[in-house]
Amino acid sequence: MAPLARVLTVDPTGVVARLTRAALDLLEAPVVQGDVPGDMDALDELEHARFRLVVLAQQLGASVRGAALARRIRQGQPEGAIVVLADEGEGW
């Protein structure tokens, strides 16, 4: 039996984690989901494990943007999928 796919969500509010879990439940996708609040936590998780999908909030902090973190993640794990979710009106 193949290991379950791993999904990581990064969002200080937890909204992205709940949306991702809801979508995966609707798809009946068996995955292991990890949830972290910020960029440094995400980079630490990614250093220790491979994730098939990383879902980021665009707004991660006062000076941290999800798009910038996505570019950084892509350098270390080019084979994984990355999605950045933004609220209406959030800039890139």
Protein backbone atom coordinates (compact mmCIF):
# COMPACT_ATOMS: atom_id res chain seq x y z
CA MET A 1 0.00 0.00 0.00
CA ALA A 2 1.37 3.40 -1.00
CA PRO A 3 1.84 6.04 1.70
CA LEU A 4 -0.80 8.73 1.95
CA ALA A 5 -0.14 12.01 0.18
CA ARG A 6 0.91 14.86 2.44
CA VAL A 7 -0.68 18.32 2.27
CA LEU A 8 0.59 21.37 4.15
CA THR A 9 -1.44 24.52 4.78
CA VAL A 10 0.13 27.79 5.88
CA ASP A 11 -2.15 30.45 7.34
CA PRO A 12 -2.11 32.36 10.63
CA THR A 13 -5.93 32.51 10.71
CA GLY A 14 -6.62 28.82 10.04
CA VAL A 15 -9.11 29.60 7.25
CA VAL A 16 -6.95 27.98 4.56
CA ALA A 17 -6.66 24.81 6.64
CA ARG A 18 -10.44 24.55 7.03
CA LEU A 19 -11.09 25.24 3.32
CA THR A 20 -8.48 22.70 2.27
CA ARG A 21 -9.83 20.03 4.63
CA ALA A 22 -13.38 20.66 3.39
CA ALA A 23 -12.29 20.31 -0.26
CA LEU A 24 -10.34 17.12 0.45
CA ASP A 25 -13.28 15.67 2.37
CA LEU A 26 -15.62 16.42 -0.56
CA LEU A 27 -13.18 14.66 -2.88
CA GLU A 28 -12.87 11.81 -0.37
CA ALA A 29 -9.11 12.19 -0.78
CA PRO A 30 -7.16 10.24 1.83
CA VAL A 31 -4.29 12.56 2.81
CA VAL A 32 -2.27 13.57 5.81
CA GLN A 33 -2.79 17.29 6.35
CA GLY A 34 -0.41 19.44 8.37
CA ASP A 35 -1.28 22.98 9.32
CA VAL A 36 1.17 25.71 10.35
CA PRO A 37 0.64 29.42 11.04
CA GLY A 38 3.61 31.04 9.35
CA ASP A 39 6.46 31.03 6.89
CA MET A 40 9.22 29.87 9.24
CA ASP A 41 7.05 26.99 10.50
CA ALA A 42 6.34 26.00 6.90
CA LEU A 43 10.01 26.02 5.93
CA ASP A 44 10.79 23.88 8.98
CA GLU A 45 8.10 21.33 8.02
CA LEU A 46 9.29 21.28 4.41
CA GLU A 47 12.84 20.65 5.54
CA HIS A 48 11.74 17.44 7.27
CA ALA A 49 9.13 16.05 4.87
CA ARG A 50 7.96 16.13 1.26
CA PHE A 51 4.48 17.44 0.57
CA ARG A 52 2.50 16.78 -2.59
CA LEU A 53 0.56 20.03 -2.10
CA VAL A 54 1.22 23.24 -0.17
CA VAL A 55 -1.69 25.68 0.20
CA LEU A 56 -0.74 29.18 1.38
CA ALA A 57 -2.64 32.25 2.46
CA GLN A 58 -1.45 35.31 0.54
CA GLN A 59 -1.30 37.33 3.77
CA LEU A 60 1.00 35.53 6.22
CA GLY A 61 2.11 38.50 8.30
CA ALA A 62 2.91 42.17 8.20
CA SER A 63 5.76 41.71 5.75
CA VAL A 64 5.36 38.14 4.48
CA ARG A 65 3.36 37.33 1.35
CA GLY A 66 2.28 33.86 0.26
CA ALA A 67 3.51 34.42 -3.29
CA ALA A 68 7.04 35.15 -2.03
CA LEU A 69 6.98 32.05 0.18
CA ALA A 70 5.71 29.99 -2.78
CA ARG A 71 8.75 31.02 -4.83
CA ARG A 72 11.04 30.03 -1.97
CA ILE A 73 9.31 26.66 -1.53
CA ARG A 74 9.52 25.99 -5.28
CA GLN A 75 13.32 26.22 -5.07
CA GLY A 76 13.48 23.46 -2.45
CA GLN A 77 10.65 21.23 -3.69
CA PRO A 78 10.16 21.79 -7.42
CA GLU A 79 8.00 18.68 -7.84
CA GLY A 80 5.21 19.68 -5.43
CA ALA A 81 2.11 21.69 -6.24
CA ILE A 82 1.65 25.09 -4.59
CA VAL A 83 -1.57 27.09 -4.34
CA VAL A 84 -1.81 30.64 -2.94
CA LEU A 85 -5.24 31.81 -1.79
CA ALA A 86 -6.00 35.50 -1.43
CA ASP A 87 -8.96 37.39 -0.05
CA GLU A 88 -10.61 39.89 -2.32
CA GLY A 89 -8.50 43.04 -2.41
CA GLU A 90 -5.24 41.44 -1.22
CA GLY A 91 -2.32 42.48 -3.39
CA TRP A 92 0.31 40.17 -4.84
